[in-house]
Amino acid sequence: MKPIAILAATAALTLSAAGAAEAKGCIKGAIVGGAAGHVVGHGVVGAAAGCVVGRQQANKRDREKATQPAPR
């Protein structure tokens, strides 16, 4: 129970302190990756990987939005 409380407190603190521009996609990915990694005993590695993947997906969405033609 204690690790879950620590994880929740860390996630809440991170979400409140992070700016949207710097951490776009990273926070959500880190939370999901950290939770998945915690299940298999590698929470920090999962959070780091989740951050990288989340950021990559956010960049991909931004590129797709930039290439779409403007609606008339």
PDB file of N, CA and C in Angstrom:
ATOM      1  N   MET A   1       0.821  -1.196   0.000  1.00  0.00           N
ATOM      2  CA  MET A   1       0.000   0.000   0.000  1.00  0.00           C
ATOM      3  C   MET A   1       0.862   1.255   0.000  1.00  0.00           C
ATOM      4  N   LYS A   2       1.958   1.219   0.737  1.00  0.00           N
ATOM      5  CA  LYS A   2       2.814   2.386   0.820  1.00  0.00           C
ATOM      6  C   LYS A   2       3.415   2.768  -0.536  1.00  0.00           C
ATOM      7  N   PRO A   3       3.900   1.804  -1.359  1.00  0.00           N
ATOM      8  CA  PRO A   3       4.435   2.194  -2.673  1.00  0.00           C
ATOM      9  C   PRO A   3       3.389   2.852  -3.568  1.00  0.00           C
ATOM     10  N   ILE A   4       2.155   2.414  -3.474  1.00  0.00           N
ATOM     11  CA  ILE A   4       1.098   3.017  -4.286  1.00  0.00           C
ATOM     12  C   ILE A   4       0.874   4.466  -3.867  1.00  0.00           C
ATOM     13  N   ALA A   5       0.891   4.725  -2.553  1.00  0.00           N
ATOM     14  CA  ALA A   5       0.721   6.090  -2.057  1.00  0.00           C
ATOM     15  C   ALA A   5       1.877   6.972  -2.509  1.00  0.00           C
ATOM     16  N   ILE A   6       3.079   6.438  -2.476  1.00  0.00           N
ATOM     17  CA  ILE A   6       4.249   7.207  -2.915  1.00  0.00           C
ATOM     18  C   ILE A   6       4.148   7.499  -4.414  1.00  0.00           C
ATOM     19  N   LEU A   7       3.745   6.506  -5.195  1.00  0.00           N
ATOM     20  CA  LEU A   7       3.579   6.696  -6.632  1.00  0.00           C
ATOM     21  C   LEU A   7       2.515   7.751  -6.930  1.00  0.00           C
ATOM     22  N   ALA A   8       1.408   7.702  -6.232  1.00  0.00           N
ATOM     23  CA  ALA A   8       0.335   8.672  -6.447  1.00  0.00           C
ATOM     24  C   ALA A   8       0.783  10.077  -6.061  1.00  0.00           C
ATOM     25  N   ALA A   9       1.489  10.203  -4.940  1.00  0.00           N
ATOM     26  CA  ALA A   9       1.972  11.517  -4.510  1.00  0.00           C
ATOM     27  C   ALA A   9       2.995  12.068  -5.497  1.00  0.00           C
ATOM     28  N   THR A  10       3.864  11.213  -5.982  1.00  0.00           N
ATOM     29  CA  THR A  10       4.862  11.646  -6.959  1.00  0.00           C
ATOM     30  C   THR A  10       4.196  12.083  -8.257  1.00  0.00           C
ATOM     31  N   ALA A  11       3.218  11.324  -8.707  1.00  0.00           N
ATOM     32  CA  ALA A  11       2.503  11.686  -9.933  1.00  0.00           C
ATOM     33  C   ALA A  11       1.774  13.015  -9.772  1.00  0.00           C
ATOM     34  N   ALA A  12       1.123  13.224  -8.637  1.00  0.00           N
ATOM     35  CA  ALA A  12       0.403  14.466  -8.405  1.00  0.00           C
ATOM     36  C   ALA A  12       1.358  15.653  -8.350  1.00  0.00           C
ATOM     37  N   LEU A  13       2.479  15.473  -7.690  1.00  0.00           N
ATOM     38  CA  LEU A  13       3.471  16.543  -7.604  1.00  0.00           C
ATOM     39  C   LEU A  13       4.051  16.850  -8.976  1.00  0.00           C
ATOM     40  N   THR A  14       4.333  15.831  -9.741  1.00  0.00           N
ATOM     41  CA  THR A  14       4.888  16.018 -11.079  1.00  0.00           C
ATOM     42  C   THR A  14       3.897  16.734 -11.982  1.00  0.00           C
ATOM     43  N   LEU A  15       2.647  16.331 -11.918  1.00  0.00           N
ATOM     44  CA  LEU A  15       1.626  16.959 -12.759  1.00  0.00           C
ATOM     45  C   LEU A  15       1.422  18.419 -12.400  1.00  0.00           C
ATOM     46  N   SER A  16       1.508  18.744 -11.114  1.00  0.00           N
ATOM     47  CA  SER A  16       1.291  20.121 -10.708  1.00  0.00           C
ATOM     48  C   SER A  16       2.485  21.005 -11.021  1.00  0.00           C
ATOM     49  N   ALA A  17       3.686  20.434 -11.081  1.00  0.00           N
ATOM     50  CA  ALA A  17       4.889  21.232 -11.297  1.00  0.00           C
ATOM     51  C   ALA A  17       5.290  21.330 -12.768  1.00  0.00           C
ATOM     52  N   ALA A  18       4.807  20.462 -13.606  1.00  0.00           N
ATOM     53  CA  ALA A  18       5.259  20.421 -14.996  1.00  0.00           C
ATOM     54  C   ALA A  18       4.491  21.420 -15.848  1.00  0.00           C
ATOM     55  N   GLY A  19       5.214  22.065 -16.751  1.00  0.00           N
ATOM     56  CA  GLY A  19       4.576  22.953 -17.708  1.00  0.00           C
ATOM     57  C   GLY A  19       4.109  22.152 -18.908  1.00  0.00           C
ATOM     58  N   ALA A  20       3.022  22.568 -19.522  1.00  0.00           N
ATOM     59  CA  ALA A  20       2.463  21.817 -20.643  1.00  0.00           C
ATOM     60  C   ALA A  20       3.388  21.820 -21.851  1.00  0.00           C
ATOM     61  N   ALA A  21       4.085  22.908 -22.071  1.00  0.00           N
ATOM     62  CA  ALA A  21       4.938  22.994 -23.253  1.00  0.00           C
ATOM     63  C   ALA A  21       6.152  22.085 -23.150  1.00  0.00           C
ATOM     64  N   GLU A  22       6.754  21.987 -21.969  1.00  0.00           N
ATOM     65  CA  GLU A  22       7.964  21.193 -21.835  1.00  0.00           C
ATOM     66  C   GLU A  22       7.674  19.704 -21.764  1.00  0.00           C
ATOM     67  N   ALA A  23       6.553  19.334 -21.202  1.00  0.00           N
ATOM     68  CA  ALA A  23       6.304  17.928 -20.918  1.00  0.00           C
ATOM     69  C   ALA A  23       5.154  17.344 -21.724  1.00  0.00           C
ATOM     70  N   LYS A  24       4.909  17.905 -22.873  1.00  0.00           N
ATOM     71  CA  LYS A  24       3.786  17.462 -23.688  1.00  0.00           C
ATOM     72  C   LYS A  24       3.919  15.981 -24.039  1.00  0.00           C
ATOM     73  N   GLY A  25       3.027  15.156 -23.531  1.00  0.00           N
ATOM     74  CA  GLY A  25       3.051  13.728 -23.801  1.00  0.00           C
ATOM     75  C   GLY A  25       3.876  12.939 -22.807  1.00  0.00           C
ATOM     76  N   CYS A  26       4.851  13.574 -22.188  1.00  0.00           N
ATOM     77  CA  CYS A  26       5.777  12.862 -21.305  1.00  0.00           C
ATOM     78  C   CYS A  26       5.105  12.452 -19.994  1.00  0.00           C
ATOM     79  N   ILE A  27       4.337  13.330 -19.412  1.00  0.00           N
ATOM     80  CA  ILE A  27       3.746  13.046 -18.095  1.00  0.00           C
ATOM     81  C   ILE A  27       2.791  11.860 -18.170  1.00  0.00           C
ATOM     82  N   LYS A  28       1.897  11.887 -19.134  1.00  0.00           N
ATOM     83  CA  LYS A  28       0.946  10.779 -19.274  1.00  0.00           C
ATOM     84  C   LYS A  28       1.682   9.465 -19.547  1.00  0.00           C
ATOM     85  N   GLY A  29       2.661   9.506 -20.435  1.00  0.00           N
ATOM     86  CA  GLY A  29       3.436   8.313 -20.749  1.00  0.00           C
ATOM     87  C   GLY A  29       4.220   7.803 -19.556  1.00  0.00           C
ATOM     88  N   ALA A  30       4.776   8.731 -18.763  1.00  0.00           N
ATOM     89  CA  ALA A  30       5.551   8.331 -17.586  1.00  0.00           C
ATOM     90  C   ALA A  30       4.660   7.682 -16.535  1.00  0.00           C
ATOM     91  N   ILE A  31       3.463   8.184 -16.361  1.00  0.00           N
ATOM     92  CA  ILE A  31       2.547   7.595 -15.376  1.00  0.00           C
ATOM     93  C   ILE A  31       2.135   6.189 -15.812  1.00  0.00           C
ATOM     94  N   VAL A  32       1.757   6.050 -17.075  1.00  0.00           N
ATOM     95  CA  VAL A  32       1.353   4.738 -17.574  1.00  0.00           C
ATOM     96  C   VAL A  32       2.532   3.774 -17.561  1.00  0.00           C
ATOM     97  N   GLY A  33       3.679   4.226 -18.039  1.00  0.00           N
ATOM     98  CA  GLY A  33       4.864   3.381 -18.060  1.00  0.00           C
ATOM     99  C   GLY A  33       5.349   3.017 -16.666  1.00  0.00           C
ATOM    100  N   GLY A  34       5.273   3.962 -15.747  1.00  0.00           N
ATOM    101  CA  GLY A  34       5.673   3.687 -14.362  1.00  0.00           C
ATOM    102  C   GLY A  34       4.770   2.661 -13.704  1.00  0.00           C
ATOM    103  N   ALA A  35       3.475   2.780 -13.964  1.00  0.00           N
ATOM    104  CA  ALA A  35       2.540   1.805 -13.391  1.00  0.00           C
ATOM    105  C   ALA A  35       2.770   0.414 -13.988  1.00  0.00           C
ATOM    106  N   ALA A  36       2.962   0.362 -15.298  1.00  0.00           N
ATOM    107  CA  ALA A  36       3.216  -0.933 -15.942  1.00  0.00           C
ATOM    108  C   ALA A  36       4.554  -1.504 -15.487  1.00  0.00           C
ATOM    109  N   GLY A  37       5.562  -0.648 -15.387  1.00  0.00           N
ATOM    110  CA  GLY A  37       6.867  -1.100 -14.928  1.00  0.00           C
ATOM    111  C   GLY A  37       6.853  -1.548 -13.483  1.00  0.00           C
ATOM    112  N   HIS A  38       6.039  -0.901 -12.672  1.00  0.00           N
ATOM    113  CA  HIS A  38       5.918  -1.284 -11.258  1.00  0.00           C
ATOM    114  C   HIS A  38       5.392  -2.709 -11.119  1.00  0.00           C
ATOM    115  N   VAL A  39       4.485  -3.083 -11.999  1.00  0.00           N
ATOM    116  CA  VAL A  39       3.908  -4.425 -11.952  1.00  0.00           C
ATOM    117  C   VAL A  39       4.982  -5.490 -12.161  1.00  0.00           C
ATOM    118  N   VAL A  40       5.941  -5.211 -13.031  1.00  0.00           N
ATOM    119  CA  VAL A  40       6.993  -6.187 -13.306  1.00  0.00           C
ATOM    120  C   VAL A  40       8.278  -5.897 -12.538  1.00  0.00           C
ATOM    121  N   GLY A  41       8.273  -4.891 -11.659  1.00  0.00           N
ATOM    122  CA  GLY A  41       9.418  -4.621 -10.807  1.00  0.00           C
ATOM    123  C   GLY A  41      10.429  -3.638 -11.362  1.00  0.00           C
ATOM    124  N   HIS A  42      10.070  -2.901 -12.401  1.00  0.00           N
ATOM    125  CA  HIS A  42      10.987  -1.933 -13.002  1.00  0.00           C
ATOM    126  C   HIS A  42      10.260  -0.611 -13.233  1.00  0.00           C
ATOM    127  N   GLY A  43       9.776  -0.004 -12.153  1.00  0.00           N
ATOM    128  CA  GLY A  43       8.963   1.203 -12.264  1.00  0.00           C
ATOM    129  C   GLY A  43       9.688   2.383 -12.873  1.00  0.00           C
ATOM    130  N   VAL A  44      10.939   2.619 -12.482  1.00  0.00           N
ATOM    131  CA  VAL A  44      11.678   3.770 -12.991  1.00  0.00           C
ATOM    132  C   VAL A  44      11.968   3.608 -14.484  1.00  0.00           C
ATOM    133  N   VAL A  45      12.359   2.419 -14.878  1.00  0.00           N
ATOM    134  CA  VAL A  45      12.631   2.166 -16.293  1.00  0.00           C
ATOM    135  C   VAL A  45      11.346   2.329 -17.102  1.00  0.00           C
ATOM    136  N   GLY A  46      10.238   1.836 -16.564  1.00  0.00           N
ATOM    137  CA  GLY A  46       8.960   1.973 -17.254  1.00  0.00           C
ATOM    138  C   GLY A  46       8.543   3.423 -17.387  1.00  0.00           C
ATOM    139  N   ALA A  47       8.775   4.222 -16.340  1.00  0.00           N
ATOM    140  CA  ALA A  47       8.425   5.641 -16.403  1.00  0.00           C
ATOM    141  C   ALA A  47       9.275   6.369 -17.434  1.00  0.00           C
ATOM    142  N   ALA A  48      10.559   6.070 -17.474  1.00  0.00           N
ATOM    143  CA  ALA A  48      11.436   6.720 -18.446  1.00  0.00           C
ATOM    144  C   ALA A  48      11.044   6.342 -19.871  1.00  0.00           C
ATOM    145  N   ALA A  49      10.796   5.071 -20.098  1.00  0.00           N
ATOM    146  CA  ALA A  49      10.389   4.623 -21.429  1.00  0.00           C
ATOM    147  C   ALA A  49       9.032   5.208 -21.809  1.00  0.00           C
ATOM    148  N   GLY A  50       8.115   5.263 -20.848  1.00  0.00           N
ATOM    149  CA  GLY A  50       6.798   5.849 -21.113  1.00  0.00           C
ATOM    150  C   GLY A  50       6.894   7.310 -21.482  1.00  0.00           C
ATOM    151  N   CYS A  51       7.793   8.033 -20.833  1.00  0.00           N
ATOM    152  CA  CYS A  51       8.001   9.443 -21.150  1.00  0.00           C
ATOM    153  C   CYS A  51       8.496   9.599 -22.584  1.00  0.00           C
ATOM    154  N   VAL A  52       9.459   8.793 -22.964  1.00  0.00           N
ATOM    155  CA  VAL A  52      10.017   8.870 -24.319  1.00  0.00           C
ATOM    156  C   VAL A  52       8.948   8.559 -25.357  1.00  0.00           C
ATOM    157  N   VAL A  53       8.195   7.501 -25.137  1.00  0.00           N
ATOM    158  CA  VAL A  53       7.155   7.113 -26.091  1.00  0.00           C
ATOM    159  C   VAL A  53       6.046   8.165 -26.130  1.00  0.00           C
ATOM    160  N   GLY A  54       5.645   8.673 -24.975  1.00  0.00           N
ATOM    161  CA  GLY A  54       4.608   9.709 -24.935  1.00  0.00           C
ATOM    162  C   GLY A  54       5.019  10.963 -25.672  1.00  0.00           C
ATOM    163  N   ARG A  55       6.273  11.361 -25.512  1.00  0.00           N
ATOM    164  CA  ARG A  55       6.782  12.548 -26.198  1.00  0.00           C
ATOM    165  C   ARG A  55       6.827  12.325 -27.706  1.00  0.00           C
ATOM    166  N   GLN A  56       7.248  11.125 -28.100  1.00  0.00           N
ATOM    167  CA  GLN A  56       7.306  10.793 -29.523  1.00  0.00           C
ATOM    168  C   GLN A  56       5.917  10.846 -30.137  1.00  0.00           C
ATOM    169  N   GLN A  57       4.925  10.322 -29.433  1.00  0.00           N
ATOM    170  CA  GLN A  57       3.552  10.327 -29.949  1.00  0.00           C
ATOM    171  C   GLN A  57       3.014  11.759 -30.042  1.00  0.00           C
ATOM    172  N   ALA A  58       3.349  12.608 -29.073  1.00  0.00           N
ATOM    173  CA  ALA A  58       2.911  14.003 -29.119  1.00  0.00           C
ATOM    174  C   ALA A  58       3.533  14.730 -30.308  1.00  0.00           C
ATOM    175  N   ASN A  59       4.807  14.479 -30.562  1.00  0.00           N
ATOM    176  CA  ASN A  59       5.453  15.078 -31.735  1.00  0.00           C
ATOM    177  C   ASN A  59       4.813  14.593 -33.030  1.00  0.00           C
ATOM    178  N   LYS A  60       4.465  13.322 -33.073  1.00  0.00           N
ATOM    179  CA  LYS A  60       3.827  12.751 -34.263  1.00  0.00           C
ATOM    180  C   LYS A  60       2.471  13.424 -34.516  1.00  0.00           C
ATOM    181  N   ARG A  61       1.683  13.604 -33.454  1.00  0.00           N
ATOM    182  CA  ARG A  61       0.388  14.288 -33.600  1.00  0.00           C
ATOM    183  C   ARG A  61       0.577  15.727 -34.072  1.00  0.00           C
ATOM    184  N   ASP A  62       1.596  16.417 -33.534  1.00  0.00           N
ATOM    185  CA  ASP A  62       1.850  17.794 -33.946  1.00  0.00           C
ATOM    186  C   ASP A  62       2.221  17.873 -35.426  1.00  0.00           C
ATOM    187  N   ARG A  63       3.050  16.935 -35.892  1.00  0.00           N
ATOM    188  CA  ARG A  63       3.425  16.924 -37.311  1.00  0.00           C
ATOM    189  C   ARG A  63       2.212  16.667 -38.188  1.00  0.00           C
ATOM    190  N   GLU A  64       1.336  15.754 -37.764  1.00  0.00           N
ATOM    191  CA  GLU A  64       0.141  15.455 -38.555  1.00  0.00           C
ATOM    192  C   GLU A  64      -0.799  16.658 -38.617  1.00  0.00           C
ATOM    193  N   LYS A  65      -0.927  17.362 -37.508  1.00  0.00           N
ATOM    194  CA  LYS A  65      -1.776  18.564 -37.497  1.00  0.00           C
ATOM    195  C   LYS A  65      -1.211  19.650 -38.398  1.00  0.00           C
ATOM    196  N   ALA A  66       0.104  19.767 -38.416  1.00  0.00           N
ATOM    197  CA  ALA A  66       0.743  20.811 -39.223  1.00  0.00           C
ATOM    198  C   ALA A  66       0.596  20.545 -40.718  1.00  0.00           C
ATOM    199  N   THR A  67       0.503  19.309 -41.119  1.00  0.00           N
ATOM    200  CA  THR A  67       0.420  18.976 -42.542  1.00  0.00           C
ATOM    201  C   THR A  67      -1.008  18.925 -43.064  1.00  0.00           C
ATOM    202  N   GLN A  68      -1.995  18.975 -42.193  1.00  0.00           N
ATOM    203  CA  GLN A  68      -3.386  18.942 -42.641  1.00  0.00           C
ATOM    204  C   GLN A  68      -3.767  20.298 -43.214  1.00  0.00           C
ATOM    205  N   PRO A  69      -4.499  20.302 -44.319  1.00  0.00           N
ATOM    206  CA  PRO A  69      -4.932  21.590 -44.872  1.00  0.00           C
ATOM    207  C   PRO A  69      -5.978  22.228 -43.969  1.00  0.00           C
ATOM    208  N   ALA A  70      -6.006  23.545 -43.971  1.00  0.00           N
ATOM    209  CA  ALA A  70      -6.971  24.294 -43.165  1.00  0.00           C
ATOM    210  C   ALA A  70      -8.363  24.117 -43.743  1.00  0.00           C
ATOM    211  N   PRO A  71      -9.370  23.942 -42.878  1.00  0.00           N
ATOM    212  CA  PRO A  71     -10.760  23.819 -43.384  1.00  0.00           C
ATOM    213  C   PRO A  71     -11.233  25.155 -43.958  1.00  0.00           C
ATOM    214  N   ARG A  72     -12.067  25.071 -44.980  1.00  0.00           N
ATOM    215  CA  ARG A  72     -12.591  26.289 -45.616  1.00  0.00           C
ATOM    216  C   ARG A  72     -13.936  26.641 -45.103  1.00  0.00           C
TER     217      ARG A  72
END
